[in-house]
Amino acid sequence: MMPNMQMQEKEMVNDTLAMINGSLSGYASVISQASNAQFRQTIQQIRNADEQFQFQLYQMAEQKGYYKPASQAAQADIQTVKSQVSQ
């Protein structure tokens, strides 16, 4: 793949991931305020499908080197946050 084509693909993947993440936040808001059970269930199904697509796209982006996840937190940092949250 030519460098320019790869850059375009990387930008499209990152833009798509950002849009899906925004949509997922929006779905959470709609679901929490929905009073109609059928509507709520429909939005939950759409959200679930988008979450699956987002994860597949994320895996592909990581595999191609388009996305590098943050390094894992140290165990001491995890314990500090746990203790702060549980107080």
PDB file of N, CA and C in Angstrom:
ATOM      1  N   MET A   1       0.852  -1.173   0.000  1.00  0.00           N
ATOM      2  CA  MET A   1       0.000   0.000   0.000  1.00  0.00           C
ATOM      3  C   MET A   1       0.901   1.240   0.000  1.00  0.00           C
ATOM      4  N   MET A   2       0.573   2.190  -0.802  1.00  0.00           N
ATOM      5  CA  MET A   2       1.359   3.427  -0.886  1.00  0.00           C
ATOM      6  C   MET A   2       1.195   4.227   0.400  1.00  0.00           C
ATOM      7  N   PRO A   3       2.241   4.966   0.834  1.00  0.00           N
ATOM      8  CA  PRO A   3       2.163   5.718   2.099  1.00  0.00           C
ATOM      9  C   PRO A   3       0.962   6.659   2.166  1.00  0.00           C
ATOM     10  N   ASN A   4       0.663   7.366   1.077  1.00  0.00           N
ATOM     11  CA  ASN A   4      -0.460   8.291   1.089  1.00  0.00           C
ATOM     12  C   ASN A   4      -1.789   7.559   1.269  1.00  0.00           C
ATOM     13  N   MET A   5      -1.922   6.409   0.609  1.00  0.00           N
ATOM     14  CA  MET A   5      -3.149   5.616   0.747  1.00  0.00           C
ATOM     15  C   MET A   5      -3.292   5.109   2.176  1.00  0.00           C
ATOM     16  N   GLN A   6      -2.163   4.698   2.767  1.00  0.00           N
ATOM     17  CA  GLN A   6      -2.208   4.209   4.133  1.00  0.00           C
ATOM     18  C   GLN A   6      -2.629   5.322   5.085  1.00  0.00           C
ATOM     19  N   MET A   7      -2.124   6.516   4.875  1.00  0.00           N
ATOM     20  CA  MET A   7      -2.482   7.647   5.728  1.00  0.00           C
ATOM     21  C   MET A   7      -3.966   7.958   5.591  1.00  0.00           C
ATOM     22  N   GLN A   8      -4.479   7.924   4.382  1.00  0.00           N
ATOM     23  CA  GLN A   8      -5.908   8.181   4.196  1.00  0.00           C
ATOM     24  C   GLN A   8      -6.744   7.131   4.914  1.00  0.00           C
ATOM     25  N   GLU A   9      -6.332   5.863   4.819  1.00  0.00           N
ATOM     26  CA  GLU A   9      -7.071   4.798   5.498  1.00  0.00           C
ATOM     27  C   GLU A   9      -7.011   4.995   7.009  1.00  0.00           C
ATOM     28  N   LYS A  10      -5.833   5.322   7.518  1.00  0.00           N
ATOM     29  CA  LYS A  10      -5.666   5.539   8.959  1.00  0.00           C
ATOM     30  C   LYS A  10      -6.585   6.664   9.436  1.00  0.00           C
ATOM     31  N   GLU A  11      -6.624   7.763   8.704  1.00  0.00           N
ATOM     32  CA  GLU A  11      -7.481   8.891   9.082  1.00  0.00           C
ATOM     33  C   GLU A  11      -8.956   8.498   9.034  1.00  0.00           C
ATOM     34  N   MET A  12      -9.351   7.733   8.032  1.00  0.00           N
ATOM     35  CA  MET A  12     -10.751   7.301   7.937  1.00  0.00           C
ATOM     36  C   MET A  12     -11.122   6.389   9.099  1.00  0.00           C
ATOM     37  N   VAL A  13     -10.224   5.473   9.433  1.00  0.00           N
ATOM     38  CA  VAL A  13     -10.487   4.552  10.545  1.00  0.00           C
ATOM     39  C   VAL A  13     -10.593   5.330  11.849  1.00  0.00           C
ATOM     40  N   ASN A  14      -9.651   6.247  12.093  1.00  0.00           N
ATOM     41  CA  ASN A  14      -9.686   7.028  13.334  1.00  0.00           C
ATOM     42  C   ASN A  14     -10.918   7.928  13.400  1.00  0.00           C
ATOM     43  N   ASP A  15     -11.307   8.516  12.277  1.00  0.00           N
ATOM     44  CA  ASP A  15     -12.525   9.336  12.247  1.00  0.00           C
ATOM     45  C   ASP A  15     -13.757   8.488  12.539  1.00  0.00           C
ATOM     46  N   THR A  16     -13.805   7.302  11.949  1.00  0.00           N
ATOM     47  CA  THR A  16     -14.945   6.409  12.174  1.00  0.00           C
ATOM     48  C   THR A  16     -15.019   5.979  13.625  1.00  0.00           C
ATOM     49  N   LEU A  17     -13.873   5.638  14.202  1.00  0.00           N
ATOM     50  CA  LEU A  17     -13.857   5.263  15.619  1.00  0.00           C
ATOM     51  C   LEU A  17     -14.341   6.417  16.499  1.00  0.00           C
ATOM     52  N   ALA A  18     -13.915   7.621  16.193  1.00  0.00           N
ATOM     53  CA  ALA A  18     -14.347   8.788  16.972  1.00  0.00           C
ATOM     54  C   ALA A  18     -15.854   9.003  16.840  1.00  0.00           C
ATOM     55  N   MET A  19     -16.382   8.843  15.634  1.00  0.00           N
ATOM     56  CA  MET A  19     -17.833   9.022  15.431  1.00  0.00           C
ATOM     57  C   MET A  19     -18.622   7.959  16.183  1.00  0.00           C
ATOM     58  N   ILE A  20     -18.157   6.716  16.123  1.00  0.00           N
ATOM     59  CA  ILE A  20     -18.865   5.637  16.824  1.00  0.00           C
ATOM     60  C   ILE A  20     -18.829   5.878  18.327  1.00  0.00           C
ATOM     61  N   ASN A  21     -17.685   6.285  18.846  1.00  0.00           N
ATOM     62  CA  ASN A  21     -17.589   6.563  20.284  1.00  0.00           C
ATOM     63  C   ASN A  21     -18.555   7.662  20.697  1.00  0.00           C
ATOM     64  N   GLY A  22     -18.696   8.683  19.868  1.00  0.00           N
ATOM     65  CA  GLY A  22     -19.663   9.741  20.143  1.00  0.00           C
ATOM     66  C   GLY A  22     -21.084   9.220  20.124  1.00  0.00           C
ATOM     67  N   SER A  23     -21.372   8.364  19.154  1.00  0.00           N
ATOM     68  CA  SER A  23     -22.717   7.776  19.057  1.00  0.00           C
ATOM     69  C   SER A  23     -23.030   6.921  20.276  1.00  0.00           C
ATOM     70  N   LEU A  24     -22.038   6.152  20.734  1.00  0.00           N
ATOM     71  CA  LEU A  24     -22.263   5.298  21.899  1.00  0.00           C
ATOM     72  C   LEU A  24     -22.623   6.126  23.130  1.00  0.00           C
ATOM     73  N   SER A  25     -21.999   7.264  23.288  1.00  0.00           N
ATOM     74  CA  SER A  25     -22.344   8.156  24.410  1.00  0.00           C
ATOM     75  C   SER A  25     -23.769   8.675  24.255  1.00  0.00           C
ATOM     76  N   GLY A  26     -24.121   9.018  23.035  1.00  0.00           N
ATOM     77  CA  GLY A  26     -25.485   9.498  22.766  1.00  0.00           C
ATOM     78  C   GLY A  26     -26.527   8.438  23.041  1.00  0.00           C
ATOM     79  N   TYR A  27     -26.237   7.191  22.646  1.00  0.00           N
ATOM     80  CA  TYR A  27     -27.183   6.104  22.904  1.00  0.00           C
ATOM     81  C   TYR A  27     -27.418   5.939  24.406  1.00  0.00           C
ATOM     82  N   ALA A  28     -26.363   6.035  25.192  1.00  0.00           N
ATOM     83  CA  ALA A  28     -26.498   5.885  26.647  1.00  0.00           C
ATOM     84  C   ALA A  28     -27.456   6.930  27.205  1.00  0.00           C
ATOM     85  N   SER A  29     -27.342   8.141  26.706  1.00  0.00           N
ATOM     86  CA  SER A  29     -28.222   9.211  27.164  1.00  0.00           C
ATOM     87  C   SER A  29     -29.677   8.942  26.777  1.00  0.00           C
ATOM     88  N   VAL A  30     -29.882   8.531  25.531  1.00  0.00           N
ATOM     89  CA  VAL A  30     -31.245   8.246  25.058  1.00  0.00           C
ATOM     90  C   VAL A  30     -31.845   7.077  25.841  1.00  0.00           C
ATOM     91  N   ILE A  31     -31.069   6.015  26.019  1.00  0.00           N
ATOM     92  CA  ILE A  31     -31.566   4.830  26.726  1.00  0.00           C
ATOM     93  C   ILE A  31     -31.968   5.179  28.153  1.00  0.00           C
ATOM     94  N   SER A  32     -31.159   5.975  28.825  1.00  0.00           N
ATOM     95  CA  SER A  32     -31.454   6.295  30.227  1.00  0.00           C
ATOM     96  C   SER A  32     -32.701   7.160  30.373  1.00  0.00           C
ATOM     97  N   GLN A  33     -33.116   7.836  29.302  1.00  0.00           N
ATOM     98  CA  GLN A  33     -34.280   8.714  29.375  1.00  0.00           C
ATOM     99  C   GLN A  33     -35.514   8.146  28.688  1.00  0.00           C
ATOM    100  N   ALA A  34     -35.376   6.979  28.042  1.00  0.00           N
ATOM    101  CA  ALA A  34     -36.491   6.408  27.282  1.00  0.00           C
ATOM    102  C   ALA A  34     -37.530   5.807  28.224  1.00  0.00           C
ATOM    103  N   SER A  35     -38.777   6.161  28.017  1.00  0.00           N
ATOM    104  CA  SER A  35     -39.845   5.585  28.825  1.00  0.00           C
ATOM    105  C   SER A  35     -40.601   4.494  28.069  1.00  0.00           C
ATOM    106  N   ASN A  36     -40.506   4.486  26.747  1.00  0.00           N
ATOM    107  CA  ASN A  36     -41.151   3.469  25.927  1.00  0.00           C
ATOM    108  C   ASN A  36     -40.226   2.252  25.833  1.00  0.00           C
ATOM    109  N   ALA A  37     -40.683   1.114  26.338  1.00  0.00           N
ATOM    110  CA  ALA A  37     -39.851  -0.089  26.420  1.00  0.00           C
ATOM    111  C   ALA A  37     -39.386  -0.566  25.039  1.00  0.00           C
ATOM    112  N   GLN A  38     -40.258  -0.513  24.055  1.00  0.00           N
ATOM    113  CA  GLN A  38     -39.883  -0.985  22.719  1.00  0.00           C
ATOM    114  C   GLN A  38     -38.819  -0.068  22.098  1.00  0.00           C
ATOM    115  N   PHE A  39     -39.004   1.236  22.268  1.00  0.00           N
ATOM    116  CA  PHE A  39     -38.020   2.193  21.763  1.00  0.00           C
ATOM    117  C   PHE A  39     -36.676   1.986  22.456  1.00  0.00           C
ATOM    118  N   ARG A  40     -36.738   1.819  23.760  1.00  0.00           N
ATOM    119  CA  ARG A  40     -35.516   1.602  24.551  1.00  0.00           C
ATOM    120  C   ARG A  40     -34.778   0.355  24.081  1.00  0.00           C
ATOM    121  N   GLN A  41     -35.523  -0.719  23.854  1.00  0.00           N
ATOM    122  CA  GLN A  41     -34.918  -1.968  23.404  1.00  0.00           C
ATOM    123  C   GLN A  41     -34.297  -1.806  22.012  1.00  0.00           C
ATOM    124  N   THR A  42     -34.951  -1.081  21.136  1.00  0.00           N
ATOM    125  CA  THR A  42     -34.419  -0.852  19.790  1.00  0.00           C
ATOM    126  C   THR A  42     -33.101  -0.088  19.859  1.00  0.00           C
ATOM    127  N   ILE A  43     -33.053   0.952  20.664  1.00  0.00           N
ATOM    128  CA  ILE A  43     -31.820   1.739  20.803  1.00  0.00           C
ATOM    129  C   ILE A  43     -30.719   0.888  21.433  1.00  0.00           C
ATOM    130  N   GLN A  44     -31.072   0.031  22.374  1.00  0.00           N
ATOM    131  CA  GLN A  44     -30.078  -0.859  22.982  1.00  0.00           C
ATOM    132  C   GLN A  44     -29.507  -1.822  21.937  1.00  0.00           C
ATOM    133  N   GLN A  45     -30.360  -2.329  21.047  1.00  0.00           N
ATOM    134  CA  GLN A  45     -29.879  -3.233  19.996  1.00  0.00           C
ATOM    135  C   GLN A  45     -28.944  -2.505  19.032  1.00  0.00           C
ATOM    136  N   ILE A  46     -29.292  -1.273  18.684  1.00  0.00           N
ATOM    137  CA  ILE A  46     -28.430  -0.474  17.807  1.00  0.00           C
ATOM    138  C   ILE A  46     -27.097  -0.212  18.494  1.00  0.00           C
ATOM    139  N   ARG A  47     -27.162   0.150  19.776  1.00  0.00           N
ATOM    140  CA  ARG A  47     -25.934   0.391  20.546  1.00  0.00           C
ATOM    141  C   ARG A  47     -25.058  -0.856  20.584  1.00  0.00           C
ATOM    142  N   ASN A  48     -25.665  -2.007  20.829  1.00  0.00           N
ATOM    143  CA  ASN A  48     -24.906  -3.260  20.898  1.00  0.00           C
ATOM    144  C   ASN A  48     -24.208  -3.561  19.568  1.00  0.00           C
ATOM    145  N   ALA A  49     -24.917  -3.352  18.468  1.00  0.00           N
ATOM    146  CA  ALA A  49     -24.328  -3.586  17.145  1.00  0.00           C
ATOM    147  C   ALA A  49     -23.172  -2.618  16.902  1.00  0.00           C
ATOM    148  N   ASP A  50     -23.350  -1.360  17.288  1.00  0.00           N
ATOM    149  CA  ASP A  50     -22.281  -0.373  17.125  1.00  0.00           C
ATOM    150  C   ASP A  50     -21.075  -0.703  18.003  1.00  0.00           C
ATOM    151  N   GLU A  51     -21.318  -1.216  19.210  1.00  0.00           N
ATOM    152  CA  GLU A  51     -20.213  -1.604  20.083  1.00  0.00           C
ATOM    153  C   GLU A  51     -19.420  -2.750  19.465  1.00  0.00           C
ATOM    154  N   GLN A  52     -20.105  -3.704  18.869  1.00  0.00           N
ATOM    155  CA  GLN A  52     -19.416  -4.825  18.220  1.00  0.00           C
ATOM    156  C   GLN A  52     -18.590  -4.324  17.037  1.00  0.00           C
ATOM    157  N   PHE A  53     -19.183  -3.441  16.220  1.00  0.00           N
ATOM    158  CA  PHE A  53     -18.465  -2.886  15.072  1.00  0.00           C
ATOM    159  C   PHE A  53     -17.264  -2.069  15.535  1.00  0.00           C
ATOM    160  N   GLN A  54     -17.449  -1.270  16.570  1.00  0.00           N
ATOM    161  CA  GLN A  54     -16.365  -0.436  17.092  1.00  0.00           C
ATOM    162  C   GLN A  54     -15.205  -1.312  17.540  1.00  0.00           C
ATOM    163  N   PHE A  55     -15.492  -2.416  18.217  1.00  0.00           N
ATOM    164  CA  PHE A  55     -14.436  -3.291  18.711  1.00  0.00           C
ATOM    165  C   PHE A  55     -13.699  -3.960  17.552  1.00  0.00           C
ATOM    166  N   GLN A  56     -14.430  -4.401  16.539  1.00  0.00           N
ATOM    167  CA  GLN A  56     -13.799  -5.014  15.369  1.00  0.00           C
ATOM    168  C   GLN A  56     -12.902  -4.000  14.645  1.00  0.00           C
ATOM    169  N   LEU A  57     -13.399  -2.788  14.492  1.00  0.00           N
ATOM    170  CA  LEU A  57     -12.612  -1.748  13.836  1.00  0.00           C
ATOM    171  C   LEU A  57     -11.390  -1.386  14.670  1.00  0.00           C
ATOM    172  N   TYR A  58     -11.563  -1.311  15.969  1.00  0.00           N
ATOM    173  CA  TYR A  58     -10.444  -1.045  16.875  1.00  0.00           C
ATOM    174  C   TYR A  58      -9.372  -2.124  16.728  1.00  0.00           C
ATOM    175  N   GLN A  59      -9.791  -3.398  16.699  1.00  0.00           N
ATOM    176  CA  GLN A  59      -8.831  -4.487  16.567  1.00  0.00           C
ATOM    177  C   GLN A  59      -8.055  -4.377  15.254  1.00  0.00           C
ATOM    178  N   MET A  60      -8.748  -4.047  14.173  1.00  0.00           N
ATOM    179  CA  MET A  60      -8.097  -3.890  12.882  1.00  0.00           C
ATOM    180  C   MET A  60      -7.120  -2.710  12.926  1.00  0.00           C
ATOM    181  N   ALA A  61      -7.533  -1.610  13.526  1.00  0.00           N
ATOM    182  CA  ALA A  61      -6.675  -0.426  13.624  1.00  0.00           C
ATOM    183  C   ALA A  61      -5.429  -0.730  14.447  1.00  0.00           C
ATOM    184  N   GLU A  62      -5.586  -1.445  15.520  1.00  0.00           N
ATOM    185  CA  GLU A  62      -4.440  -1.802  16.355  1.00  0.00           C
ATOM    186  C   GLU A  62      -3.499  -2.739  15.592  1.00  0.00           C
ATOM    187  N   GLN A  63      -4.062  -3.699  14.877  1.00  0.00           N
ATOM    188  CA  GLN A  63      -3.275  -4.654  14.104  1.00  0.00           C
ATOM    189  C   GLN A  63      -2.455  -3.957  13.020  1.00  0.00           C
ATOM    190  N   LYS A  64      -3.022  -2.931  12.391  1.00  0.00           N
ATOM    191  CA  LYS A  64      -2.326  -2.208  11.326  1.00  0.00           C
ATOM    192  C   LYS A  64      -1.403  -1.118  11.870  1.00  0.00           C
ATOM    193  N   GLY A  65      -1.409  -0.928  13.171  1.00  0.00           N
ATOM    194  CA  GLY A  65      -0.553   0.082  13.773  1.00  0.00           C
ATOM    195  C   GLY A  65      -1.139   1.480  13.728  1.00  0.00           C
ATOM    196  N   TYR A  66      -2.439   1.588  13.448  1.00  0.00           N
ATOM    197  CA  TYR A  66      -3.096   2.896  13.394  1.00  0.00           C
ATOM    198  C   TYR A  66      -3.431   3.417  14.777  1.00  0.00           C
ATOM    199  N   TYR A  67      -3.505   2.519  15.731  1.00  0.00           N
ATOM    200  CA  TYR A  67      -3.920   2.886  17.075  1.00  0.00           C
ATOM    201  C   TYR A  67      -3.021   2.154  18.052  1.00  0.00           C
ATOM    202  N   LYS A  68      -2.464   2.874  18.983  1.00  0.00           N
ATOM    203  CA  LYS A  68      -1.646   2.252  20.016  1.00  0.00           C
ATOM    204  C   LYS A  68      -2.288   2.524  21.361  1.00  0.00           C
ATOM    205  N   PRO A  69      -2.759   1.476  22.030  1.00  0.00           N
ATOM    206  CA  PRO A  69      -3.408   1.691  23.325  1.00  0.00           C
ATOM    207  C   PRO A  69      -2.414   2.197  24.364  1.00  0.00           C
ATOM    208  N   ALA A  70      -2.927   2.843  25.364  1.00  0.00           N
ATOM    209  CA  ALA A  70      -2.086   3.325  26.458  1.00  0.00           C
ATOM    210  C   ALA A  70      -1.454   2.136  27.177  1.00  0.00           C
ATOM    211  N   SER A  71      -0.299   2.350  27.752  1.00  0.00           N
ATOM    212  CA  SER A  71       0.341   1.271  28.505  1.00  0.00           C
ATOM    213  C   SER A  71      -0.476   0.981  29.756  1.00  0.00           C
ATOM    214  N   GLN A  72      -0.352  -0.234  30.234  1.00  0.00           N
ATOM    215  CA  GLN A  72      -1.122  -0.629  31.405  1.00  0.00           C
ATOM    216  C   GLN A  72      -0.621   0.102  32.645  1.00  0.00           C
ATOM    217  N   ALA A  73      -1.549   0.401  33.513  1.00  0.00           N
ATOM    218  CA  ALA A  73      -1.212   1.091  34.760  1.00  0.00           C
ATOM    219  C   ALA A  73      -0.481   0.140  35.700  1.00  0.00           C
ATOM    220  N   ALA A  74       0.362   0.724  36.499  1.00  0.00           N
ATOM    221  CA  ALA A  74       1.074  -0.062  37.514  1.00  0.00           C
ATOM    222  C   ALA A  74       0.076  -0.518  38.579  1.00  0.00           C
ATOM    223  N   GLN A  75       0.331  -1.679  39.163  1.00  0.00           N
ATOM    224  CA  GLN A  75      -0.574  -2.237  40.170  1.00  0.00           C
ATOM    225  C   GLN A  75      -0.766  -1.271  41.349  1.00  0.00           C
ATOM    226  N   ALA A  76       0.280  -0.558  41.728  1.00  0.00           N
ATOM    227  CA  ALA A  76       0.177   0.396  42.837  1.00  0.00           C
ATOM    228  C   ALA A  76      -0.790   1.528  42.488  1.00  0.00           C
ATOM    229  N   ASP A  77      -0.742   1.996  41.238  1.00  0.00           N
ATOM    230  CA  ASP A  77      -1.667   3.048  40.808  1.00  0.00           C
ATOM    231  C   ASP A  77      -3.106   2.553  40.820  1.00  0.00           C
ATOM    232  N   ILE A  78      -3.304   1.315  40.406  1.00  0.00           N
ATOM    233  CA  ILE A  78      -4.648   0.710  40.407  1.00  0.00           C
ATOM    234  C   ILE A  78      -5.187   0.651  41.819  1.00  0.00           C
ATOM    235  N   GLN A  79      -4.356   0.216  42.741  1.00  0.00           N
ATOM    236  CA  GLN A  79      -4.789   0.113  44.146  1.00  0.00           C
ATOM    237  C   GLN A  79      -5.117   1.485  44.714  1.00  0.00           C
ATOM    238  N   THR A  80      -4.339   2.501  44.354  1.00  0.00           N
ATOM    239  CA  THR A  80      -4.598   3.865  44.838  1.00  0.00           C
ATOM    240  C   THR A  80      -5.959   4.340  44.363  1.00  0.00           C
ATOM    241  N   VAL A  81      -6.262   4.140  43.108  1.00  0.00           N
ATOM    242  CA  VAL A  81      -7.557   4.563  42.568  1.00  0.00           C
ATOM    243  C   VAL A  81      -8.683   3.778  43.209  1.00  0.00           C
ATOM    244  N   LYS A  82      -8.499   2.473  43.382  1.00  0.00           N
ATOM    245  CA  LYS A  82      -9.532   1.645  44.031  1.00  0.00           C
ATOM    246  C   LYS A  82      -9.845   2.155  45.429  1.00  0.00           C
ATOM    247  N   SER A  83      -8.817   2.484  46.175  1.00  0.00           N
ATOM    248  CA  SER A  83      -9.041   2.931  47.541  1.00  0.00           C
ATOM    249  C   SER A  83      -9.715   4.305  47.566  1.00  0.00           C
ATOM    250  N   GLN A  84      -9.403   5.159  46.607  1.00  0.00           N
ATOM    251  CA  GLN A  84     -10.028   6.478  46.538  1.00  0.00           C
ATOM    252  C   GLN A  84     -11.508   6.365  46.151  1.00  0.00           C
ATOM    253  N   VAL A  85     -11.817   5.454  45.277  1.00  0.00           N
ATOM    254  CA  VAL A  85     -13.192   5.291  44.788  1.00  0.00           C
ATOM    255  C   VAL A  85     -14.072   4.642  45.835  1.00  0.00           C
ATOM    256  N   SER A  86     -13.516   3.730  46.614  1.00  0.00           N
ATOM    257  CA  SER A  86     -14.326   2.987  47.576  1.00  0.00           C
ATOM    258  C   SER A  86     -14.541   3.720  48.896  1.00  0.00           C
ATOM    259  N   GLN A  87     -13.980   4.906  49.037  1.00  0.00           N
ATOM    260  CA  GLN A  87     -14.149   5.646  50.300  1.00  0.00           C
ATOM    261  C   GLN A  87     -15.473   6.337  50.352  1.00  0.00           C
TER     262      GLN A  87
END
